[in-house]
Amino acid sequence: MILRPTMKELNEVETEFNKTILADYTKPAYSFVSVIEKSSYSPMSANLYDDPAMRAKLYPVIPKNEYGCIYPMSKFRGDQTYCLCFLRKKEKG
């Protein structure tokens, strides 16, 4: 897993890897890019970096496990929250 603040930096890592001998023996199966954004339902802060919840998303602690698992994100929720008005969604959290 590679974490970088910008797509440009991710591309630079990929470019540098592709210049290595190891790259000649590997073939990417797929790639996955995740974007972190502040929810419109959470309290607004003048500076996002002052919000502890947002900082935890921007700078996650990556466990030093041998294996990791990434699952696809789905906006579907059993109670169909996307059909509710903004204020009701905010109440539900």
C-alpha atoms as a PDB file:
ATOM      1  CA  MET A   1       0.000   0.000   0.000  1.00  0.00           C
ATOM      2  CA  ILE A   2       1.320   3.401  -0.943  1.00  0.00           C
ATOM      3  CA  LEU A   3      -0.098   6.570   0.583  1.00  0.00           C
ATOM      4  CA  ARG A   4       0.626   9.976  -0.887  1.00  0.00           C
ATOM      5  CA  PRO A   5      -1.212  13.308  -0.628  1.00  0.00           C
ATOM      6  CA  THR A   6      -1.461  13.889  -4.400  1.00  0.00           C
ATOM      7  CA  MET A   7      -1.965  11.887  -7.586  1.00  0.00           C
ATOM      8  CA  LYS A   8       1.234  13.418  -8.937  1.00  0.00           C
ATOM      9  CA  GLU A   9       3.208  11.837  -6.093  1.00  0.00           C
ATOM     10  CA  LEU A  10       1.521   8.471  -6.675  1.00  0.00           C
ATOM     11  CA  ASN A  11       2.463   8.661 -10.349  1.00  0.00           C
ATOM     12  CA  GLU A  12       6.059   9.480  -9.412  1.00  0.00           C
ATOM     13  CA  VAL A  13       6.261   6.360  -7.219  1.00  0.00           C
ATOM     14  CA  GLU A  14       4.839   4.249 -10.047  1.00  0.00           C
ATOM     15  CA  THR A  15       7.275   5.749 -12.565  1.00  0.00           C
ATOM     16  CA  GLU A  16      10.264   5.107 -10.300  1.00  0.00           C
ATOM     17  CA  PHE A  17       9.146   1.512  -9.673  1.00  0.00           C
ATOM     18  CA  ASN A  18       8.770   0.935 -13.417  1.00  0.00           C
ATOM     19  CA  LYS A  19      12.442   1.871 -13.840  1.00  0.00           C
ATOM     20  CA  THR A  20      13.556  -0.997 -11.562  1.00  0.00           C
ATOM     21  CA  ILE A  21      14.550  -4.508 -12.610  1.00  0.00           C
ATOM     22  CA  LEU A  22      11.745  -5.892 -10.442  1.00  0.00           C
ATOM     23  CA  ALA A  23       9.211  -4.114 -12.669  1.00  0.00           C
ATOM     24  CA  ASP A  24      10.334  -6.329 -15.573  1.00  0.00           C
ATOM     25  CA  TYR A  25       9.073  -9.368 -13.621  1.00  0.00           C
ATOM     26  CA  THR A  26       5.806  -7.965 -12.300  1.00  0.00           C
ATOM     27  CA  LYS A  27       2.506  -7.238 -13.925  1.00  0.00           C
ATOM     28  CA  PRO A  28      -0.104  -5.086 -12.158  1.00  0.00           C
ATOM     29  CA  ALA A  29      -3.428  -6.888 -11.826  1.00  0.00           C
ATOM     30  CA  TYR A  30      -5.300  -3.678 -11.025  1.00  0.00           C
ATOM     31  CA  SER A  31      -4.868  -0.452  -9.116  1.00  0.00           C
ATOM     32  CA  PHE A  32      -7.086   1.240  -6.602  1.00  0.00           C
ATOM     33  CA  VAL A  33      -7.159   4.908  -5.684  1.00  0.00           C
ATOM     34  CA  SER A  34      -9.095   6.153  -2.697  1.00  0.00           C
ATOM     35  CA  VAL A  35     -10.081   9.768  -2.169  1.00  0.00           C
ATOM     36  CA  ILE A  36     -10.736  11.161   1.297  1.00  0.00           C
ATOM     37  CA  GLU A  37     -13.272  13.922   1.635  1.00  0.00           C
ATOM     38  CA  LYS A  38     -15.103  15.556   4.474  1.00  0.00           C
ATOM     39  CA  SER A  39     -18.734  14.567   4.752  1.00  0.00           C
ATOM     40  CA  SER A  40     -21.271  17.327   4.295  1.00  0.00           C
ATOM     41  CA  TYR A  41     -23.120  15.856   7.292  1.00  0.00           C
ATOM     42  CA  SER A  42     -20.269  16.412   9.747  1.00  0.00           C
ATOM     43  CA  PRO A  43     -19.656  19.722  11.539  1.00  0.00           C
ATOM     44  CA  MET A  44     -17.775  22.220   9.433  1.00  0.00           C
ATOM     45  CA  SER A  45     -14.391  23.344  10.691  1.00  0.00           C
ATOM     46  CA  ALA A  46     -12.458  26.387   9.530  1.00  0.00           C
ATOM     47  CA  ASN A  47      -9.370  24.221   9.167  1.00  0.00           C
ATOM     48  CA  LEU A  48      -9.889  20.557   8.253  1.00  0.00           C
ATOM     49  CA  TYR A  49      -6.518  19.693   9.764  1.00  0.00           C
ATOM     50  CA  ASP A  50      -7.811  20.802  13.189  1.00  0.00           C
ATOM     51  CA  ASP A  51     -10.566  18.169  13.050  1.00  0.00           C
ATOM     52  CA  PRO A  52      -9.275  14.985  14.768  1.00  0.00           C
ATOM     53  CA  ALA A  53     -11.635  12.724  12.804  1.00  0.00           C
ATOM     54  CA  MET A  54     -10.453  14.182   9.492  1.00  0.00           C
ATOM     55  CA  ARG A  55      -6.787  13.981  10.512  1.00  0.00           C
ATOM     56  CA  ALA A  56      -7.265  10.294  11.335  1.00  0.00           C
ATOM     57  CA  LYS A  57      -8.548   9.755   7.778  1.00  0.00           C
ATOM     58  CA  LEU A  58      -5.800  11.808   6.151  1.00  0.00           C
ATOM     59  CA  TYR A  59      -2.981  10.269   8.191  1.00  0.00           C
ATOM     60  CA  PRO A  60      -4.072   6.733   9.084  1.00  0.00           C
ATOM     61  CA  VAL A  61      -1.938   4.469  11.238  1.00  0.00           C
ATOM     62  CA  ILE A  62      -1.099   1.516   8.997  1.00  0.00           C
ATOM     63  CA  PRO A  63      -0.757  -1.726  10.959  1.00  0.00           C
ATOM     64  CA  LYS A  64       2.447  -3.666  10.374  1.00  0.00           C
ATOM     65  CA  ASN A  65       0.555  -6.854   9.502  1.00  0.00           C
ATOM     66  CA  GLU A  66       1.748  -9.333   6.945  1.00  0.00           C
ATOM     67  CA  TYR A  67      -1.549  -9.104   5.063  1.00  0.00           C
ATOM     68  CA  GLY A  68      -4.104  -6.402   4.426  1.00  0.00           C
ATOM     69  CA  CYS A  69      -7.575  -6.306   2.956  1.00  0.00           C
ATOM     70  CA  ILE A  70      -9.179  -3.539   0.923  1.00  0.00           C
ATOM     71  CA  TYR A  71     -12.896  -3.777   0.261  1.00  0.00           C
ATOM     72  CA  PRO A  72     -14.926  -1.814  -2.295  1.00  0.00           C
ATOM     73  CA  MET A  73     -16.944   1.033  -0.874  1.00  0.00           C
ATOM     74  CA  SER A  74     -20.655   0.974  -1.492  1.00  0.00           C
ATOM     75  CA  LYS A  75     -23.014   3.840  -0.810  1.00  0.00           C
ATOM     76  CA  PHE A  76     -25.929   1.408  -0.402  1.00  0.00           C
ATOM     77  CA  ARG A  77     -27.394   1.283   3.060  1.00  0.00           C
ATOM     78  CA  GLY A  78     -30.271  -0.975   4.032  1.00  0.00           C
ATOM     79  CA  ASP A  79     -32.555   1.911   4.977  1.00  0.00           C
ATOM     80  CA  GLN A  80     -32.088   3.765   1.670  1.00  0.00           C
ATOM     81  CA  THR A  81     -30.641   6.887   3.297  1.00  0.00           C
ATOM     82  CA  TYR A  82     -29.861   8.421  -0.088  1.00  0.00           C
ATOM     83  CA  CYS A  83     -33.622   8.968  -0.490  1.00  0.00           C
ATOM     84  CA  LEU A  84     -33.880  11.028   2.707  1.00  0.00           C
ATOM     85  CA  CYS A  85     -33.609  14.806   2.843  1.00  0.00           C
ATOM     86  CA  PHE A  86     -30.309  16.359   3.951  1.00  0.00           C
ATOM     87  CA  LEU A  87     -31.453  17.270   7.490  1.00  0.00           C
ATOM     88  CA  ARG A  88     -32.828  13.784   8.167  1.00  0.00           C
ATOM     89  CA  LYS A  89     -29.581  12.178   6.949  1.00  0.00           C
ATOM     90  CA  LYS A  90     -27.631  14.476   9.248  1.00  0.00           C
ATOM     91  CA  GLU A  91     -29.785  13.348  12.202  1.00  0.00           C
ATOM     92  CA  LYS A  92     -29.095   9.683  11.398  1.00  0.00           C
ATOM     93  CA  GLY A  93     -25.324  10.332  11.314  1.00  0.00           C
END
